[in-house]
Amino acid sequence: FLGPTGVGKTDLAISLFKTVPLEIISVDSVQVYKGMDIGTGKPSKEILGKYPHNLLSFIDPWKSYSTALFNILSASLKFPTKYYPQPIESII
């Protein structure tokens, strides 16, 4: 689901997660960065523990991230899995 921060995308994904086998993939341009949890709208650790999100908090803030890299990483995810098929650092 795409839309601005705070409109309920995570709540909708969680509702679907409870009934349909799916992977949640973050497409947020800021939530990808490690340690940037305040002001980014990232789900809480409690929510992430119950409902894993892919492509969230995996890259250091001083590294660049792009649409091209998102396309590569999202295409490499295999369903069903909660883990990346290879360490992200090996691609970046």
Protein backbone atom coordinates (compact mmCIF):
# COMPACT_ATOMS: atom_id res chain seq x y z
CA PHE A 1 0.00 0.00 0.00
CA LEU A 2 1.29 3.43 -0.83
CA GLY A 3 0.32 6.66 0.86
CA PRO A 4 1.51 9.38 3.21
CA THR A 5 2.72 8.74 6.76
CA GLY A 6 0.02 8.18 9.33
CA VAL A 7 -2.89 7.08 7.15
CA GLY A 8 -3.06 3.46 8.39
CA LYS A 9 -1.01 1.47 5.88
CA THR A 10 0.70 -0.56 8.63
CA ASP A 11 -2.62 -1.30 10.38
CA LEU A 12 -4.09 -2.51 7.09
CA ALA A 13 -1.04 -4.69 6.37
CA ILE A 14 -1.27 -6.20 9.88
CA SER A 15 -4.97 -6.95 9.43
CA LEU A 16 -4.22 -8.73 6.16
CA PHE A 17 -1.18 -10.51 7.67
CA LYS A 18 -3.51 -12.13 10.23
CA THR A 19 -5.70 -13.69 7.54
CA VAL A 20 -3.59 -14.03 4.38
CA PRO A 21 -0.03 -15.39 4.12
CA LEU A 22 1.97 -12.39 2.98
CA GLU A 23 5.27 -10.58 3.32
CA ILE A 24 5.32 -6.95 4.42
CA ILE A 25 7.88 -4.96 2.43
CA SER A 26 8.65 -1.41 3.46
CA VAL A 27 8.94 1.06 0.59
CA ASP A 28 9.66 4.10 2.77
CA SER A 29 12.75 6.06 1.75
CA VAL A 30 13.75 6.86 5.35
CA GLN A 31 12.67 3.72 7.25
CA VAL A 32 15.42 1.74 5.50
CA TYR A 33 18.08 3.41 7.66
CA LYS A 34 19.33 1.85 10.90
CA GLY A 35 18.90 3.91 14.04
CA MET A 36 16.54 6.45 12.49
CA ASP A 37 13.49 5.44 14.50
CA ILE A 38 12.23 8.82 15.70
CA GLY A 39 10.17 10.84 13.24
CA THR A 40 10.17 8.18 10.52
CA GLY A 41 6.90 6.44 11.39
CA LYS A 42 8.59 3.04 11.81
CA PRO A 43 6.43 0.39 13.46
CA SER A 44 7.29 -0.38 17.09
CA LYS A 45 9.61 -3.25 18.02
CA GLU A 46 6.57 -5.04 19.42
CA ILE A 47 4.74 -4.82 16.09
CA LEU A 48 7.86 -5.83 14.15
CA GLY A 49 8.28 -8.85 16.44
CA LYS A 50 4.79 -10.08 15.56
CA TYR A 51 4.63 -8.86 11.96
CA PRO A 52 8.09 -8.84 10.33
CA HIS A 53 8.77 -6.16 7.75
CA ASN A 54 11.33 -6.59 4.97
CA LEU A 55 13.63 -3.75 3.86
CA LEU A 56 13.36 -1.91 7.17
CA SER A 57 16.31 -0.66 9.28
CA PHE A 58 18.96 -2.46 7.26
CA ILE A 59 21.29 0.19 5.85
CA ASP A 60 23.65 2.59 7.63
CA PRO A 61 22.57 6.25 7.37
CA TRP A 62 25.80 7.31 5.66
CA LYS A 63 25.22 4.89 2.76
CA SER A 64 23.10 5.80 -0.23
CA TYR A 65 19.85 4.11 -1.15
CA SER A 66 18.02 4.35 -4.44
CA THR A 67 15.02 3.10 -6.36
CA ALA A 68 17.36 0.87 -8.36
CA LEU A 69 18.68 -0.76 -5.18
CA PHE A 70 15.12 -1.16 -3.87
CA ASN A 71 14.19 -2.95 -7.11
CA ILE A 72 17.14 -5.33 -6.77
CA LEU A 73 16.49 -6.07 -3.09
CA SER A 74 12.72 -6.45 -3.34
CA ALA A 75 13.07 -8.74 -6.36
CA SER A 76 15.47 -10.95 -4.39
CA LEU A 77 12.91 -11.64 -1.64
CA LYS A 78 11.41 -15.11 -1.92
CA PHE A 79 8.00 -16.01 -0.52
CA PRO A 80 7.49 -17.33 2.08
CA THR A 81 10.46 -16.15 4.14
CA LYS A 82 11.17 -13.77 6.98
CA TYR A 83 14.84 -13.55 6.04
CA TYR A 84 16.79 -12.03 3.21
CA PRO A 85 18.18 -14.63 0.79
CA GLN A 86 21.63 -13.12 1.23
CA PRO A 87 23.10 -10.51 3.55
CA ILE A 88 22.07 -7.04 2.43
CA GLU A 89 25.65 -5.86 2.96
CA SER A 90 26.79 -8.18 0.17
CA ILE A 91 24.62 -6.27 -2.31
CA ILE A 92 25.22 -2.70 -1.13
